[in-house]
Amino acid sequence: MNRLELEESLKKYSCIEECPVRNVISRFTGKWSILILCVLSENPGTRFSSIERAIPDISPKVLSSTLRTLEQENLIRREMFAEIPPRVEYSLTEKGRSLMPILFNLISWALENRNK
């Protein structure tokens, strides 16, 4: 690869708005997003308190904020039921489900390489 080809291939990383790596990283900047997605992939229709119990070291404020961000990214769905007391459940959207095989591959890689 000559210098001109190299510079051309690296251009995609310099454009902040369109960089594929920055796009992925910005969606998962918090350490909790992927973990929450994994919990919801195994337990569709999960309530806030159940997610909180599954991830005991996350604060309610951070959990709430992360759920809101994942919902804005259309990775999860928040469904409110008109009951007394009100009930809210979270589940993956189709977009969120399509992401899970990729995350599971990443998790598998991490497990295979954690002690190397």
N, C-alpha and C. Protein backbone atom coordinates (compact mmCIF):
# COMPACT_ATOMS: atom_id res chain seq x y z
N MET A 1 0.85 -1.17 0.00
CA MET A 1 0.00 0.00 0.00
C MET A 1 0.90 1.23 0.00
N ASN A 2 0.68 2.12 -0.95
CA ASN A 2 1.50 3.33 -0.98
C ASN A 2 0.93 4.37 -0.01
N ARG A 3 1.65 5.45 0.14
CA ARG A 3 1.29 6.47 1.12
C ARG A 3 -0.08 7.08 0.85
N LEU A 4 -0.39 7.33 -0.41
CA LEU A 4 -1.67 7.92 -0.78
C LEU A 4 -2.82 6.97 -0.45
N GLU A 5 -2.65 5.69 -0.72
CA GLU A 5 -3.68 4.68 -0.40
C GLU A 5 -3.86 4.57 1.11
N LEU A 6 -2.74 4.62 1.83
CA LEU A 6 -2.81 4.55 3.29
C LEU A 6 -3.58 5.74 3.85
N GLU A 7 -3.26 6.93 3.39
CA GLU A 7 -3.96 8.13 3.86
C GLU A 7 -5.44 8.06 3.54
N GLU A 8 -5.77 7.57 2.37
CA GLU A 8 -7.18 7.44 1.96
C GLU A 8 -7.91 6.45 2.86
N SER A 9 -7.25 5.33 3.18
CA SER A 9 -7.90 4.31 4.02
C SER A 9 -8.07 4.79 5.46
N LEU A 10 -7.22 5.69 5.90
CA LEU A 10 -7.31 6.21 7.28
C LEU A 10 -8.29 7.38 7.41
N LYS A 11 -8.75 7.93 6.32
CA LYS A 11 -9.66 9.08 6.34
C LYS A 11 -10.94 8.81 7.12
N LYS A 12 -11.44 7.60 7.01
CA LYS A 12 -12.71 7.29 7.67
C LYS A 12 -12.63 7.47 9.19
N TYR A 13 -11.44 7.40 9.77
CA TYR A 13 -11.28 7.57 11.21
C TYR A 13 -11.15 9.03 11.62
N SER A 14 -10.81 9.90 10.68
CA SER A 14 -10.60 11.30 11.02
C SER A 14 -11.90 12.11 11.02
N CYS A 15 -12.91 11.64 10.33
CA CYS A 15 -14.18 12.35 10.29
C CYS A 15 -15.00 11.97 11.53
N ILE A 16 -15.04 12.85 12.48
CA ILE A 16 -15.63 12.56 13.78
C ILE A 16 -17.08 12.08 13.66
N GLU A 17 -17.88 12.72 12.83
CA GLU A 17 -19.31 12.37 12.72
C GLU A 17 -19.53 11.01 12.06
N GLU A 18 -18.63 10.60 11.18
CA GLU A 18 -18.86 9.39 10.40
C GLU A 18 -17.92 8.23 10.74
N CYS A 19 -17.01 8.41 11.65
CA CYS A 19 -16.05 7.37 11.99
C CYS A 19 -16.78 6.14 12.56
N PRO A 20 -16.61 4.96 11.95
CA PRO A 20 -17.32 3.78 12.43
C PRO A 20 -16.91 3.36 13.85
N VAL A 21 -15.66 3.54 14.18
CA VAL A 21 -15.18 3.17 15.52
C VAL A 21 -15.75 4.11 16.56
N ARG A 22 -15.71 5.39 16.30
CA ARG A 22 -16.27 6.37 17.25
C ARG A 22 -17.77 6.16 17.44
N ASN A 23 -18.44 5.79 16.36
CA ASN A 23 -19.88 5.54 16.41
C ASN A 23 -20.18 4.40 17.38
N VAL A 24 -19.44 3.32 17.29
CA VAL A 24 -19.65 2.17 18.17
C VAL A 24 -19.30 2.53 19.61
N ILE A 25 -18.15 3.14 19.81
CA ILE A 25 -17.69 3.48 21.16
C ILE A 25 -18.65 4.44 21.85
N SER A 26 -19.17 5.41 21.11
CA SER A 26 -20.06 6.40 21.73
C SER A 26 -21.34 5.76 22.25
N ARG A 27 -21.77 4.67 21.64
CA ARG A 27 -22.99 3.98 22.10
C ARG A 27 -22.75 3.19 23.38
N PHE A 28 -21.50 2.84 23.64
CA PHE A 28 -21.21 1.98 24.79
C PHE A 28 -20.13 2.58 25.68
N THR A 29 -20.15 3.89 25.86
CA THR A 29 -19.11 4.53 26.66
C THR A 29 -19.21 4.16 28.13
N GLY A 30 -20.39 3.97 28.63
CA GLY A 30 -20.54 3.56 30.02
C GLY A 30 -20.22 2.08 30.17
N LYS A 31 -19.76 1.71 31.33
CA LYS A 31 -19.39 0.30 31.52
C LYS A 31 -20.60 -0.61 31.71
N TRP A 32 -21.80 -0.05 31.79
CA TRP A 32 -22.97 -0.85 32.10
C TRP A 32 -23.81 -1.25 30.90
N SER A 33 -23.70 -0.54 29.80
CA SER A 33 -24.59 -0.77 28.65
C SER A 33 -24.60 -2.21 28.17
N ILE A 34 -23.43 -2.75 27.94
CA ILE A 34 -23.34 -4.12 27.41
C ILE A 34 -23.89 -5.12 28.43
N LEU A 35 -23.59 -4.91 29.68
CA LEU A 35 -24.08 -5.81 30.72
C LEU A 35 -25.61 -5.77 30.79
N ILE A 36 -26.19 -4.59 30.71
CA ILE A 36 -27.65 -4.46 30.72
C ILE A 36 -28.25 -5.15 29.50
N LEU A 37 -27.65 -4.96 28.34
CA LEU A 37 -28.14 -5.62 27.14
C LEU A 37 -28.10 -7.15 27.30
N CYS A 38 -27.04 -7.67 27.91
CA CYS A 38 -26.94 -9.12 28.14
C CYS A 38 -28.04 -9.60 29.08
N VAL A 39 -28.29 -8.85 30.15
CA VAL A 39 -29.36 -9.22 31.09
C VAL A 39 -30.70 -9.26 30.36
N LEU A 40 -30.97 -8.25 29.57
CA LEU A 40 -32.26 -8.18 28.86
C LEU A 40 -32.36 -9.23 27.76
N SER A 41 -31.23 -9.62 27.18
CA SER A 41 -31.30 -10.65 26.13
C SER A 41 -31.68 -12.00 26.71
N GLU A 42 -31.32 -12.24 27.95
CA GLU A 42 -31.64 -13.51 28.61
C GLU A 42 -32.97 -13.46 29.35
N ASN A 43 -33.46 -12.26 29.61
CA ASN A 43 -34.67 -12.08 30.41
C ASN A 43 -35.56 -11.01 29.81
N PRO A 44 -36.27 -11.32 28.73
CA PRO A 44 -37.14 -10.30 28.12
C PRO A 44 -38.25 -9.88 29.09
N GLY A 45 -38.65 -8.63 29.01
CA GLY A 45 -39.71 -8.13 29.88
C GLY A 45 -39.26 -8.02 31.33
N THR A 46 -38.08 -7.44 31.53
CA THR A 46 -37.49 -7.35 32.87
C THR A 46 -37.78 -5.99 33.50
N ARG A 47 -38.13 -6.03 34.76
CA ARG A 47 -38.42 -4.79 35.49
C ARG A 47 -37.14 -4.18 36.03
N PHE A 48 -37.20 -2.88 36.32
CA PHE A 48 -36.06 -2.12 36.83
C PHE A 48 -35.44 -2.81 38.04
N SER A 49 -36.27 -3.20 38.99
CA SER A 49 -35.75 -3.80 40.23
C SER A 49 -35.04 -5.13 39.95
N SER A 50 -35.48 -5.87 38.96
CA SER A 50 -34.82 -7.13 38.61
C SER A 50 -33.45 -6.87 37.98
N ILE A 51 -33.37 -5.84 37.14
CA ILE A 51 -32.07 -5.48 36.56
C ILE A 51 -31.13 -5.04 37.68
N GLU A 52 -31.67 -4.27 38.59
CA GLU A 52 -30.90 -3.77 39.75
C GLU A 52 -30.35 -4.94 40.57
N ARG A 53 -31.16 -5.97 40.79
CA ARG A 53 -30.70 -7.16 41.53
C ARG A 53 -29.66 -7.95 40.75
N ALA A 54 -29.83 -8.00 39.44
CA ALA A 54 -28.89 -8.74 38.60
C ALA A 54 -27.53 -8.06 38.54
N ILE A 55 -27.52 -6.74 38.68
CA ILE A 55 -26.27 -5.95 38.63
C ILE A 55 -26.20 -5.13 39.92
N PRO A 56 -25.85 -5.75 41.03
CA PRO A 56 -25.95 -5.06 42.33
C PRO A 56 -24.98 -3.89 42.52
N ASP A 57 -23.94 -3.79 41.71
CA ASP A 57 -22.98 -2.71 41.91
C ASP A 57 -23.27 -1.47 41.05
N ILE A 58 -24.45 -1.41 40.42
CA ILE A 58 -24.84 -0.21 39.68
C ILE A 58 -25.82 0.59 40.54
N SER A 59 -25.63 1.91 40.57
CA SER A 59 -26.54 2.74 41.36
C SER A 59 -27.85 2.92 40.60
N PRO A 60 -28.94 3.15 41.31
CA PRO A 60 -30.23 3.37 40.64
C PRO A 60 -30.18 4.54 39.65
N LYS A 61 -29.46 5.59 39.99
CA LYS A 61 -29.36 6.75 39.11
C LYS A 61 -28.65 6.39 37.80
N VAL A 62 -27.54 5.66 37.90
CA VAL A 62 -26.79 5.26 36.70
C VAL A 62 -27.59 4.25 35.89
N LEU A 63 -28.26 3.33 36.55
CA LEU A 63 -29.09 2.35 35.84
C LEU A 63 -30.19 3.07 35.06
N SER A 64 -30.85 4.00 35.70
CA SER A 64 -31.92 4.75 35.05
C SER A 64 -31.38 5.53 33.84
N SER A 65 -30.26 6.17 34.01
CA SER A 65 -29.65 6.95 32.94
C SER A 65 -29.22 6.05 31.77
N THR A 66 -28.64 4.91 32.09
CA THR A 66 -28.18 3.99 31.05
C THR A 66 -29.36 3.40 30.29
N LEU A 67 -30.43 3.04 31.01
CA LEU A 67 -31.63 2.54 30.35
C LEU A 67 -32.21 3.59 29.41
N ARG A 68 -32.23 4.84 29.85
CA ARG A 68 -32.75 5.92 29.02
C ARG A 68 -31.91 6.08 27.74
N THR A 69 -30.59 6.01 27.89
CA THR A 69 -29.71 6.12 26.73
C THR A 69 -29.92 4.96 25.76
N LEU A 70 -30.00 3.74 26.29
CA LEU A 70 -30.22 2.57 25.43
C LEU A 70 -31.57 2.66 24.72
N GLU A 71 -32.56 3.25 25.39
CA GLU A 71 -33.87 3.43 24.77
C GLU A 71 -33.78 4.48 23.65
N GLN A 72 -33.05 5.55 23.88
CA GLN A 72 -32.87 6.59 22.86
C GLN A 72 -32.14 6.04 21.64
N GLU A 73 -31.24 5.09 21.87
CA GLU A 73 -30.50 4.45 20.77
C GLU A 73 -31.33 3.38 20.07
N ASN A 74 -32.56 3.17 20.55
CA ASN A 74 -33.47 2.16 20.02
C ASN A 74 -32.91 0.73 20.16
N LEU A 75 -32.16 0.51 21.23
CA LEU A 75 -31.65 -0.83 21.51
C LEU A 75 -32.55 -1.57 22.48
N ILE A 76 -33.27 -0.80 23.32
CA ILE A 76 -34.22 -1.42 24.24
C ILE A 76 -35.55 -0.69 24.15
N ARG A 77 -36.57 -1.36 24.62
CA ARG A 77 -37.93 -0.81 24.64
C ARG A 77 -38.38 -0.72 26.10
N ARG A 78 -38.99 0.38 26.43
CA ARG A 78 -39.57 0.58 27.76
C ARG A 78 -41.07 0.50 27.60
N GLU A 79 -41.69 -0.46 28.27
CA GLU A 79 -43.14 -0.62 28.15
C GLU A 79 -43.78 -0.40 29.51
N MET A 80 -44.72 0.55 29.52
CA MET A 80 -45.41 0.88 30.76
C MET A 80 -46.81 0.27 30.74
N PHE A 81 -47.18 -0.37 31.83
CA PHE A 81 -48.49 -1.02 31.93
C PHE A 81 -49.37 -0.18 32.86
N ALA A 82 -50.60 0.04 32.44
CA ALA A 82 -51.55 0.84 33.21
C ALA A 82 -52.14 0.00 34.33
N GLU A 83 -51.37 -0.15 35.37
CA GLU A 83 -51.80 -0.93 36.54
C GLU A 83 -51.54 -0.08 37.78
N ILE A 84 -52.07 -0.53 38.87
CA ILE A 84 -51.78 0.12 40.15
C ILE A 84 -51.17 -0.92 41.06
N PRO A 85 -49.93 -0.74 41.50
CA PRO A 85 -49.01 0.33 41.11
C PRO A 85 -48.54 0.14 39.66
N PRO A 86 -48.09 1.23 39.02
CA PRO A 86 -47.64 1.14 37.63
C PRO A 86 -46.48 0.15 37.49
N ARG A 87 -46.48 -0.55 36.38
CA ARG A 87 -45.43 -1.53 36.11
C ARG A 87 -44.73 -1.14 34.82
N VAL A 88 -43.40 -1.18 34.84
CA VAL A 88 -42.59 -0.87 33.67
C VAL A 88 -41.66 -2.05 33.42
N GLU A 89 -41.60 -2.47 32.16
CA GLU A 89 -40.70 -3.57 31.77
C GLU A 89 -39.82 -3.13 30.62
N TYR A 90 -38.61 -3.68 30.61
CA TYR A 90 -37.64 -3.37 29.56
C TYR A 90 -37.34 -4.64 28.78
N SER A 91 -37.18 -4.48 27.48
CA SER A 91 -36.81 -5.61 26.62
C SER A 91 -36.01 -5.08 25.44
N LEU A 92 -35.34 -5.98 24.75
CA LEU A 92 -34.56 -5.59 23.59
C LEU A 92 -35.48 -5.32 22.40
N THR A 93 -35.11 -4.35 21.61
CA THR A 93 -35.78 -4.11 20.34
C THR A 93 -35.17 -5.07 19.31
N GLU A 94 -35.70 -5.04 18.11
CA GLU A 94 -35.12 -5.85 17.03
C GLU A 94 -33.67 -5.42 16.79
N LYS A 95 -33.42 -4.14 16.82
CA LYS A 95 -32.06 -3.61 16.66
C LYS A 95 -31.16 -4.14 17.78
N GLY A 96 -31.65 -4.14 19.01
CA GLY A 96 -30.89 -4.65 20.13
C GLY A 96 -30.61 -6.14 20.00
N ARG A 97 -31.62 -6.90 19.57
CA ARG A 97 -31.43 -8.35 19.37
C ARG A 97 -30.40 -8.62 18.27
N SER A 98 -30.39 -7.78 17.24
CA SER A 98 -29.43 -7.99 16.15
C SER A 98 -28.00 -7.73 16.60
N LEU A 99 -27.82 -6.97 17.65
CA LEU A 99 -26.50 -6.67 18.19
C LEU A 99 -25.95 -7.82 19.05
N MET A 100 -26.82 -8.62 19.63
CA MET A 100 -26.39 -9.61 20.62
C MET A 100 -25.41 -10.66 20.08
N PRO A 101 -25.57 -11.21 18.89
CA PRO A 101 -24.56 -12.17 18.42
C PRO A 101 -23.16 -11.57 18.37
N ILE A 102 -23.07 -10.29 18.01
CA ILE A 102 -21.78 -9.61 17.97
C ILE A 102 -21.22 -9.48 19.38
N LEU A 103 -22.07 -9.07 20.32
CA LEU A 103 -21.61 -8.94 21.71
C LEU A 103 -21.22 -10.29 22.30
N PHE A 104 -22.00 -11.34 21.97
CA PHE A 104 -21.66 -12.67 22.49
C PHE A 104 -20.32 -13.14 21.93
N ASN A 105 -20.01 -12.81 20.68
CA ASN A 105 -18.69 -13.14 20.12
C ASN A 105 -17.59 -12.39 20.85
N LEU A 106 -17.83 -11.13 21.15
CA LEU A 106 -16.86 -10.33 21.90
C LEU A 106 -16.66 -10.91 23.31
N ILE A 107 -17.75 -11.30 23.94
CA ILE A 107 -17.67 -11.90 25.29
C ILE A 107 -16.91 -13.22 25.23
N SER A 108 -17.19 -14.03 24.24
CA SER A 108 -16.48 -15.31 24.07
C SER A 108 -14.99 -15.07 23.89
N TRP A 109 -14.64 -14.09 23.07
CA TRP A 109 -13.24 -13.76 22.87
C TRP A 109 -12.59 -13.35 24.20
N ALA A 110 -13.29 -12.53 24.98
CA ALA A 110 -12.76 -12.08 26.27
C ALA A 110 -12.56 -13.26 27.22
N LEU A 111 -13.51 -14.20 27.24
CA LEU A 111 -13.38 -15.37 28.11
C LEU A 111 -12.21 -16.25 27.69
N GLU A 112 -12.03 -16.41 26.40
CA GLU A 112 -10.93 -17.24 25.90
C GLU A 112 -9.58 -16.61 26.16
N ASN A 113 -9.51 -15.31 26.27
CA ASN A 113 -8.22 -14.60 26.38
C ASN A 113 -8.00 -13.92 27.72
N ARG A 114 -8.83 -14.19 28.70
CA ARG A 114 -8.70 -13.46 29.97
C ARG A 114 -7.45 -13.81 30.76
N ASN A 115 -6.92 -15.00 30.62
CA ASN A 115 -5.74 -15.39 31.41
C ASN A 115 -4.48 -15.50 30.56
N LYS A 116 -4.52 -14.96 29.35
CA LYS A 116 -3.36 -15.10 28.46
C LYS A 116 -2.51 -13.88 28.49
